[in-house]
């Protein structure tokens, strides 16, 4: 476009002042959350512009969804989602966090969450013995009922994959069991919201005797990553064409007696993290970063003393309790649930107190975020980190 058709500076370039508000917001939507927050300080005009269009801009973690159970005279114990925000201005993000827009269901159990979308198992009002798998966006109240996967093998797990920066379409990975006695993976069934159908792929990892750890997967670089009991991370893309195995550098403890995972994978700042309680040393958590994703190069980043971690919560007067029971508490009543996507902050649940806590790995600071709403589980329910997304997830394909 010639300079006679738009305002240009003397050297032929367009200044920011010449851009429309919509174009500025479109550019800002491609940037990380931290950058957008910094740009609010440029001027009062930019502050108002970003504040007014915040729904179109990148979001950060707002809190956690998890199942809350209540007693119903007709159905007994039933479950619905509940939400806890991690800051004061986010506590009312969902006045009713039970996802009431999902109509026709008597029970809704959140199972997985990825970049603003939630994967739920929803039991119908009628017939009461039938259920749907549903993917929904709580921010836009859109939802998609998944069709029957059409596979006879039992499912070991379901994992949700979505990255609005890469595609408006989501995928659900159904991990299939090959041997019911051992829980080995036989293959992966992949649902695409773009096509509205499932696609089955046989196990492409070259190992027929692998078992996954019962925890959330990580959707990263367009691939679903799964932690296994064999000290490896498995990855598969959304089309089942690329299969990767990423070896870990140390043995790990994958669970505690309350079924909270002590080994954890997540992503932050564009890199994959592995956090682990060593199998032979329960007094420390080690934190590894996959510095070179393509070259499988792990870098050791932090060593976290569990005594220090829980000692900060006990207080100065409880040094004896700190020394004697910190490791035991960690193994019995603790579960890592998330890592912050923009900083070295991890979140974990301390079940004996029913509190959600954060730990700043750079500063060594522990913070109690909130008391969790009462639940009736004897084990750890899934705490799903939620990052609001206002992208439309589309509708299921209607067959002719």
Protein backbone atom coordinates (compact mmCIF):
# COMPACT_ATOMS: atom_id res chain seq x y z
CA UNK A 1 0.00 0.00 0.00
CA UNK A 2 1.41 3.37 -0.98
CA UNK A 3 2.23 6.00 1.60
CA UNK A 4 -0.39 8.30 0.05
CA UNK A 5 -3.05 5.82 1.26
CA UNK A 6 -2.01 5.76 4.94
CA UNK A 7 -0.02 7.83 7.40
CA UNK A 8 3.69 7.03 7.09
CA UNK A 9 6.80 8.47 8.64
CA UNK A 10 9.53 10.00 6.53
CA UNK A 11 11.47 6.72 6.22
CA UNK A 12 8.41 4.91 4.91
CA UNK A 13 7.48 3.01 8.07
CA UNK A 14 4.16 3.10 9.93
CA UNK A 15 4.17 4.38 13.52
CA UNK A 16 2.22 2.69 16.31
CA UNK A 17 0.02 5.77 16.55
CA UNK A 18 -1.20 5.15 13.01
CA UNK A 19 -2.46 1.63 13.78
CA UNK A 20 -6.09 1.01 14.59
CA UNK A 21 -7.07 -0.39 17.99
CA UNK A 22 -8.14 -3.69 16.41
CA UNK A 23 -4.78 -4.11 14.70
CA UNK A 24 -2.87 -3.36 17.91
CA UNK A 25 -4.93 -5.93 19.81
CA UNK A 26 -4.35 -8.46 17.01
CA UNK A 27 -0.59 -7.95 17.36
CA UNK A 28 -0.69 -8.13 21.16
CA UNK A 29 -2.69 -11.38 21.01
CA UNK A 30 0.37 -13.09 19.53
CA UNK A 31 2.61 -12.14 22.47
CA UNK A 32 3.18 -13.86 25.83
CA UNK A 33 1.12 -12.80 28.85
CA UNK A 34 4.13 -11.15 30.54
CA UNK A 35 4.78 -8.89 27.57
CA UNK A 36 1.16 -7.78 27.37
CA UNK A 37 1.18 -6.92 31.09
CA UNK A 38 4.31 -4.80 30.65
CA UNK A 39 2.74 -2.91 27.74
CA UNK A 40 -0.07 -1.74 30.03
CA UNK A 41 2.55 0.61 31.53
CA UNK A 42 3.35 2.34 28.21
CA UNK A 43 0.61 4.93 28.66
CA UNK A 44 -2.86 5.44 30.07
CA UNK A 45 -4.26 4.95 26.57
CA UNK A 46 -2.57 1.54 26.22
CA UNK A 47 -3.68 0.58 29.73
CA UNK A 48 -7.31 1.30 28.86
CA UNK A 49 -7.02 -0.40 25.47
CA UNK A 50 -5.59 -3.62 26.92
CA UNK A 51 -8.05 -3.63 29.83
CA UNK A 52 -11.04 -3.19 27.53
CA UNK A 53 -9.95 -6.00 25.20
CA UNK A 54 -8.54 -8.38 27.81
CA UNK A 55 -10.75 -11.27 26.64
CA UNK A 56 -9.03 -11.25 23.25
CA UNK A 57 -5.53 -11.28 24.77
CA UNK A 58 -3.41 -14.11 26.25
CA UNK A 59 -4.44 -15.27 29.71
CA UNK A 60 -2.50 -16.85 32.53
CA UNK A 61 -3.44 -19.45 35.12
CA UNK A 62 -6.49 -18.30 37.11
CA UNK A 63 -7.14 -21.21 39.45
CA UNK A 64 -8.08 -24.87 39.65
CA UNK A 65 -11.13 -26.95 38.81
CA UNK A 66 -11.67 -30.17 40.75
CA UNK A 67 -14.65 -32.43 41.58
CA UNK A 68 -16.79 -31.67 44.61
CA UNK A 69 -19.16 -34.35 45.88
CA UNK A 70 -22.51 -33.90 47.56
CA UNK A 71 -25.24 -36.25 48.70
CA UNK A 72 -28.43 -36.51 46.69
CA UNK A 73 -31.43 -38.42 48.07
CA UNK A 74 -32.20 -39.98 44.69
CA UNK A 75 -28.71 -40.72 43.38
CA UNK A 76 -26.57 -40.91 46.51
CA UNK A 77 -23.14 -39.31 46.23
CA UNK A 78 -22.83 -37.22 43.06
CA UNK A 79 -20.01 -35.03 41.77
CA UNK A 80 -19.81 -31.63 40.09
CA UNK A 81 -16.91 -29.31 39.26
CA UNK A 82 -15.89 -26.59 41.67
CA UNK A 83 -13.31 -23.84 41.19
CA UNK A 84 -10.78 -22.09 43.42
CA UNK A 85 -9.07 -18.94 42.15
CA UNK A 86 -5.45 -18.19 43.00
CA UNK A 87 -5.90 -14.44 43.56
CA UNK A 88 -8.57 -12.23 45.08
CA UNK A 89 -9.89 -10.80 41.81
CA UNK A 90 -10.33 -14.29 40.32
CA UNK A 91 -12.37 -15.91 43.06
CA UNK A 92 -15.61 -14.74 41.42
CA UNK A 93 -14.52 -15.74 37.93
CA UNK A 94 -17.18 -18.45 38.10
CA UNK A 95 -20.06 -17.58 40.48
CA UNK A 96 -21.40 -21.05 39.64
CA UNK A 97 -18.46 -23.30 38.81
CA UNK A 98 -20.58 -26.46 38.42
CA UNK A 99 -20.80 -25.83 34.64
CA UNK A 100 -24.62 -25.40 34.67
CA UNK A 101 -24.70 -24.78 30.92
CA UNK A 102 -24.06 -28.52 30.45
CA UNK A 103 -27.74 -29.44 30.52
CA UNK A 104 -29.26 -32.90 30.70
CA UNK A 105 -26.71 -34.35 33.10
CA UNK A 106 -27.14 -35.37 36.75
CA UNK A 107 -23.41 -35.66 37.45
CA UNK A 108 -20.38 -33.97 35.86
CA UNK A 109 -16.86 -35.13 36.68
CA UNK A 110 -13.93 -33.03 35.38
CA UNK A 111 -11.15 -35.33 34.18
CA UNK A 112 -8.63 -33.18 32.32
CA UNK A 113 -7.98 -29.56 31.38
CA UNK A 114 -5.82 -27.97 28.68
CA UNK A 115 -5.42 -24.28 27.85
CA UNK A 116 -8.95 -23.25 28.75
CA UNK A 117 -10.90 -26.38 27.77
CA UNK A 118 -12.15 -29.03 30.20
CA UNK A 119 -12.74 -32.71 29.45
CA UNK A 120 -15.60 -34.17 31.52
CA UNK A 121 -17.40 -37.44 32.09
CA UNK A 122 -21.11 -36.53 32.24
CA UNK A 123 -23.78 -38.96 33.49
CA UNK A 124 -27.17 -38.41 31.87
CA UNK A 125 -30.45 -37.56 33.58
CA UNK A 126 -31.98 -40.34 31.51
CA UNK A 127 -31.12 -43.14 31.00
CA UNK A 128 -29.22 -42.83 34.29
CA UNK A 129 -26.76 -45.60 33.40
CA UNK A 130 -25.48 -43.79 30.29
CA UNK A 131 -22.77 -41.13 30.11
CA UNK A 132 -21.10 -38.85 27.58
CA UNK A 133 -17.59 -37.57 27.28
CA UNK A 134 -17.80 -33.81 26.81
CA UNK A 135 -15.25 -31.09 26.04
CA UNK A 136 -16.36 -27.60 27.08
CA UNK A 137 -15.09 -24.04 27.32
CA UNK A 138 -16.33 -22.55 30.64
CA UNK A 139 -15.51 -18.99 29.50
CA UNK A 140 -17.72 -19.13 26.39
CA UNK A 141 -20.09 -21.89 27.63
CA UNK A 142 -19.61 -23.86 24.41
CA UNK A 143 -19.45 -27.64 24.52
CA UNK A 144 -19.02 -30.65 22.27
CA UNK A 145 -20.27 -34.17 22.98
CA UNK A 146 -17.76 -36.71 21.70
CA UNK A 147 -19.08 -39.60 19.58
CA UNK A 148 -18.52 -43.18 20.66
CA UNK A 149 -14.86 -44.09 20.19
CA UNK A 150 -15.92 -47.38 18.63
CA UNK A 151 -13.04 -49.44 20.01
CA UNK A 152 -13.44 -52.66 21.97
CA UNK A 153 -10.24 -52.33 24.02
CA UNK A 154 -10.50 -50.79 27.47
CA UNK A 155 -9.23 -47.23 27.86
CA UNK A 156 -6.35 -46.72 30.27
CA UNK A 157 -6.79 -42.97 30.20
CA UNK A 158 -8.12 -39.98 28.27
CA UNK A 159 -5.96 -36.89 27.70
CA UNK A 160 -7.04 -33.54 26.25
CA UNK A 161 -4.85 -31.56 23.87
CA UNK A 162 -5.50 -27.94 22.84
CA UNK A 163 -3.33 -24.96 21.94
CA UNK A 164 -5.30 -22.00 20.63
CA UNK A 165 -2.11 -20.32 19.38
CA UNK A 166 -1.55 -23.23 16.99
CA UNK A 167 -5.08 -24.28 16.02
CA UNK A 168 -8.72 -23.62 16.99
CA UNK A 169 -9.28 -27.38 17.07
CA UNK A 170 -8.82 -29.69 20.05
CA UNK A 171 -7.89 -33.37 20.26
CA UNK A 172 -8.67 -36.10 22.77
CA UNK A 173 -6.23 -38.98 23.15
CA UNK A 174 -7.73 -42.29 24.29
CA UNK A 175 -4.89 -44.49 25.56
CA UNK A 176 -5.90 -48.11 24.97
CA UNK A 177 -5.03 -51.16 27.02
CA UNK A 178 -3.51 -54.20 25.37
CA UNK A 179 -3.17 -56.50 28.38
CA UNK A 180 -5.79 -56.13 31.10
CA UNK A 181 -3.56 -57.89 33.64
CA UNK A 182 -0.65 -55.45 33.31
CA UNK A 183 -2.09 -52.26 31.78
CA UNK A 184 0.25 -52.17 28.79
CA UNK A 185 -0.48 -49.71 25.96
CA UNK A 186 -1.74 -51.29 22.72
CA UNK A 187 -2.46 -48.09 20.81
CA UNK A 188 -3.97 -44.61 20.83
CA UNK A 189 -7.38 -43.49 19.58
CA UNK A 190 -7.34 -39.79 18.64
CA UNK A 191 -10.42 -37.59 18.31
CA UNK A 192 -10.22 -34.39 16.24
CA UNK A 193 -12.77 -31.61 16.65
CA UNK A 194 -11.97 -30.58 13.07
CA UNK A 195 -13.16 -33.87 11.55
CA UNK A 196 -15.52 -34.94 14.34
CA UNK A 197 -14.27 -38.53 14.26
CA UNK A 198 -11.84 -40.85 16.06
CA UNK A 199 -8.76 -42.30 14.38
CA UNK A 200 -7.04 -45.40 15.79
CA UNK A 201 -3.25 -45.83 15.67
CA UNK A 202 -1.34 -48.85 16.90
CA UNK A 203 1.41 -48.37 19.47
CA UNK A 204 4.25 -46.68 17.60
CA UNK A 205 6.74 -46.42 20.46
CA UNK A 206 8.40 -49.73 19.70
CA UNK A 207 7.75 -51.16 23.16
CA UNK A 208 4.74 -53.35 23.88
CA UNK A 209 5.30 -53.43 27.65
CA UNK A 210 4.94 -49.85 28.84
CA UNK A 211 2.60 -48.45 31.49
CA UNK A 212 1.64 -44.82 31.97
CA UNK A 213 1.54 -43.02 35.30
CA UNK A 214 -1.95 -41.99 36.40
CA UNK A 215 -1.54 -38.23 36.03
CA UNK A 216 -2.29 -35.48 33.52
CA UNK A 217 -0.53 -35.47 30.18
CA UNK A 218 1.25 -32.43 28.76
CA UNK A 219 0.26 -31.08 25.34
CA UNK A 220 3.39 -29.37 24.08
CA UNK A 221 4.82 -28.63 20.62
CA UNK A 222 1.70 -30.16 19.07
CA UNK A 223 2.25 -33.50 20.82
CA UNK A 224 0.74 -35.27 23.83
CA UNK A 225 3.37 -36.25 26.43
CA UNK A 226 2.77 -39.08 28.90
CA UNK A 227 4.89 -40.09 31.88
CA UNK A 228 5.53 -43.84 32.19
CA UNK A 229 6.58 -46.21 34.96
CA UNK A 230 9.67 -47.09 32.90
CA UNK A 231 11.37 -43.69 33.53
CA UNK A 232 10.47 -42.43 30.07
CA UNK A 233 8.18 -39.80 28.58
CA UNK A 234 6.15 -40.90 25.57
CA UNK A 235 4.95 -38.40 22.97
CA UNK A 236 2.60 -38.70 19.98
CA UNK A 237 1.29 -36.02 17.62
CA UNK A 238 -2.37 -35.29 16.85
CA UNK A 239 -2.36 -37.43 13.70
CA UNK A 240 -0.55 -40.44 15.15
CA UNK A 241 2.28 -40.04 12.65
CA UNK A 242 5.13 -38.96 14.92
CA UNK A 243 6.04 -41.03 18.00
CA UNK A 244 8.82 -40.04 20.41
CA UNK A 245 10.43 -41.52 23.50
CA UNK A 246 12.25 -39.12 25.84
CA UNK A 247 14.47 -40.82 28.42
CA UNK A 248 14.76 -39.45 31.95
CA UNK A 249 18.09 -39.15 33.77
CA UNK A 250 17.12 -40.56 37.16
CA UNK A 251 14.83 -43.12 38.71
CA UNK A 252 11.70 -41.79 40.32
CA UNK A 253 8.96 -42.37 42.85
CA UNK A 254 5.72 -42.25 40.85
CA UNK A 255 3.10 -42.26 43.60
CA UNK A 256 2.38 -42.19 47.31
CA UNK A 257 0.01 -44.16 49.49
CA UNK A 258 -2.80 -41.66 48.85
CA UNK A 259 -2.21 -41.92 45.09
CA UNK A 260 -0.82 -38.41 44.71
CA UNK A 261 1.91 -38.48 42.04
CA UNK A 262 5.36 -37.59 43.34
CA UNK A 263 6.80 -37.49 39.85
CA UNK A 264 5.41 -34.73 37.67
CA UNK A 265 5.75 -33.37 34.13
CA UNK A 266 4.58 -29.95 33.00
CA UNK A 267 5.49 -27.06 30.74
CA UNK A 268 6.58 -23.54 31.55
CA UNK A 269 8.15 -20.73 29.56
CA UNK A 270 8.23 -22.85 26.43
CA UNK A 271 10.06 -25.81 27.96
CA UNK A 272 9.18 -29.21 29.36
CA UNK A 273 9.76 -29.74 33.11
CA UNK A 274 10.23 -32.98 35.04
CA UNK A 275 9.92 -32.76 38.85
CA UNK A 276 10.76 -35.85 40.83
CA UNK A 277 11.16 -37.30 44.29
CA UNK A 278 14.05 -39.70 43.94
CA UNK A 279 13.22 -43.30 44.67
CA UNK A 280 16.19 -43.63 47.03
CA UNK A 281 15.98 -40.18 48.66
CA UNK A 282 12.60 -38.87 49.77
CA UNK A 283 14.08 -35.79 51.42
CA UNK A 284 14.51 -33.85 48.17
CA UNK A 285 12.65 -32.94 45.03
CA UNK A 286 14.77 -32.54 41.93
CA UNK A 287 13.69 -30.31 39.05
CA UNK A 288 14.87 -30.96 35.48
CA UNK A 289 14.28 -28.87 32.34
CA UNK A 290 14.39 -30.26 28.81
CA UNK A 291 16.68 -27.54 27.47
CA UNK A 292 17.03 -29.04 23.98
CA UNK A 293 13.69 -30.60 23.04
CA UNK A 294 14.87 -32.15 19.79
CA UNK A 295 18.13 -33.42 21.30
CA UNK A 296 16.58 -34.80 24.52
CA UNK A 297 19.01 -32.71 26.60
CA UNK A 298 17.95 -32.41 30.25
CA UNK A 299 19.40 -29.72 32.53
CA UNK A 300 19.30 -30.07 36.32
CA UNK A 301 17.78 -26.83 37.66
CA UNK A 302 16.73 -27.07 41.32
CA UNK A 303 17.03 -29.29 44.37
CA UNK A 304 14.20 -28.65 46.83
CA UNK A 305 14.55 -29.84 50.43
CA UNK A 306 11.25 -31.23 51.68
CA UNK A 307 12.21 -30.34 55.26
CA UNK A 308 12.71 -26.72 54.24
CA UNK A 309 9.50 -26.74 52.24
CA UNK A 310 7.29 -27.97 55.05
CA UNK A 311 9.36 -26.32 57.78
CA UNK A 312 8.22 -22.95 56.48
CA UNK A 313 4.64 -24.08 57.02
CA UNK A 314 5.22 -25.49 60.51
CA UNK A 315 6.75 -22.28 61.83
CA UNK A 316 9.76 -21.59 64.01
CA UNK A 317 8.40 -23.25 67.17
CA UNK A 318 7.92 -26.63 65.48
CA UNK A 319 11.48 -27.51 64.51
CA UNK A 320 11.20 -30.97 66.04
CA UNK A 321 8.01 -31.68 64.09
CA UNK A 322 9.67 -30.30 60.99
CA UNK A 323 12.66 -32.61 61.34
CA UNK A 324 10.74 -35.75 62.24
CA UNK A 325 7.67 -35.53 60.05
CA UNK A 326 8.34 -33.39 56.99
CA UNK A 327 9.36 -36.31 54.79
CA UNK A 328 6.50 -38.47 56.06
CA UNK A 329 3.96 -35.72 55.39
CA UNK A 330 5.27 -35.21 51.90
CA UNK A 331 4.93 -38.88 51.06
CA UNK A 332 1.46 -39.26 52.60
CA UNK A 333 -0.38 -35.99 52.09
CA UNK A 334 1.12 -34.17 49.17
CA UNK A 335 0.59 -33.94 45.41
CA UNK A 336 2.13 -31.67 42.80
CA UNK A 337 -0.68 -30.35 40.62
CA UNK A 338 0.78 -27.71 38.26
CA UNK A 339 3.62 -25.45 37.24
CA UNK A 340 2.97 -21.83 36.33
CA UNK A 341 3.24 -21.31 32.54
CA UNK A 342 5.22 -18.04 32.86
CA UNK A 343 7.50 -18.49 35.88
CA UNK A 344 9.24 -21.05 38.10
CA UNK A 345 6.29 -21.44 40.46
CA UNK A 346 4.88 -24.85 41.33
CA UNK A 347 1.51 -25.62 42.90
CA UNK A 348 0.76 -28.49 45.23
CA UNK A 349 -1.99 -29.75 47.51
CA UNK A 350 -1.44 -30.56 51.16
CA UNK A 351 -4.33 -32.89 51.85
CA UNK A 352 -4.19 -33.16 55.65
CA UNK A 353 -4.97 -29.44 55.78
CA UNK A 354 -6.96 -29.32 52.50
CA UNK A 355 -4.99 -26.32 51.30
CA UNK A 356 -3.58 -25.28 47.96
CA UNK A 357 -0.03 -23.93 48.14
CA UNK A 358 2.56 -22.48 45.80
CA UNK A 359 6.35 -22.61 45.97
CA UNK A 360 8.59 -20.09 44.23
CA UNK A 361 11.62 -22.14 43.19
CA UNK A 362 13.77 -19.07 42.53
CA UNK A 363 13.10 -17.38 45.90
CA UNK A 364 12.41 -20.44 48.06
CA UNK A 365 9.09 -18.93 49.17
CA UNK A 366 6.03 -20.97 50.21
CA UNK A 367 2.58 -19.38 50.00
CA UNK A 368 -0.81 -20.69 51.13
CA UNK A 369 -3.21 -19.74 48.34
CA UNK A 370 -6.51 -20.91 49.76
CA UNK A 371 -8.34 -23.55 51.73
CA UNK A 372 -9.91 -26.03 49.35
CA UNK A 373 -13.62 -26.69 49.40
CA UNK A 374 -14.50 -29.82 51.34
CA UNK A 375 -14.41 -33.04 49.34
CA UNK A 376 -15.23 -36.62 50.28
CA UNK A 377 -12.47 -38.45 48.44
CA UNK A 378 -10.10 -40.68 50.38
CA UNK A 379 -7.53 -40.09 47.64
CA UNK A 380 -6.42 -37.00 45.75
CA UNK A 381 -9.03 -35.73 43.28
CA UNK A 382 -7.66 -34.24 40.07
CA UNK A 383 -6.83 -30.55 40.50
CA UNK A 384 -6.93 -29.09 37.00
CA UNK A 385 -5.08 -25.80 36.33
CA UNK A 386 -7.31 -23.44 34.38
CA UNK A 387 -6.18 -20.76 31.92
CA UNK A 388 -9.19 -18.86 30.47
CA UNK A 389 -9.61 -19.02 26.71
CA UNK A 390 -12.21 -17.09 24.76
CA UNK A 391 -11.64 -18.91 21.49
CA UNK A 392 -14.58 -20.71 19.96
CA UNK A 393 -14.19 -24.47 19.96
CA UNK A 394 -16.69 -25.03 17.15
CA UNK A 395 -19.47 -27.55 16.91
CA UNK A 396 -19.41 -31.28 16.24
CA UNK A 397 -19.77 -32.25 12.63
CA UNK A 398 -23.35 -33.05 11.62
CA UNK A 399 -23.58 -36.14 9.43
CA UNK A 400 -25.79 -35.94 6.37
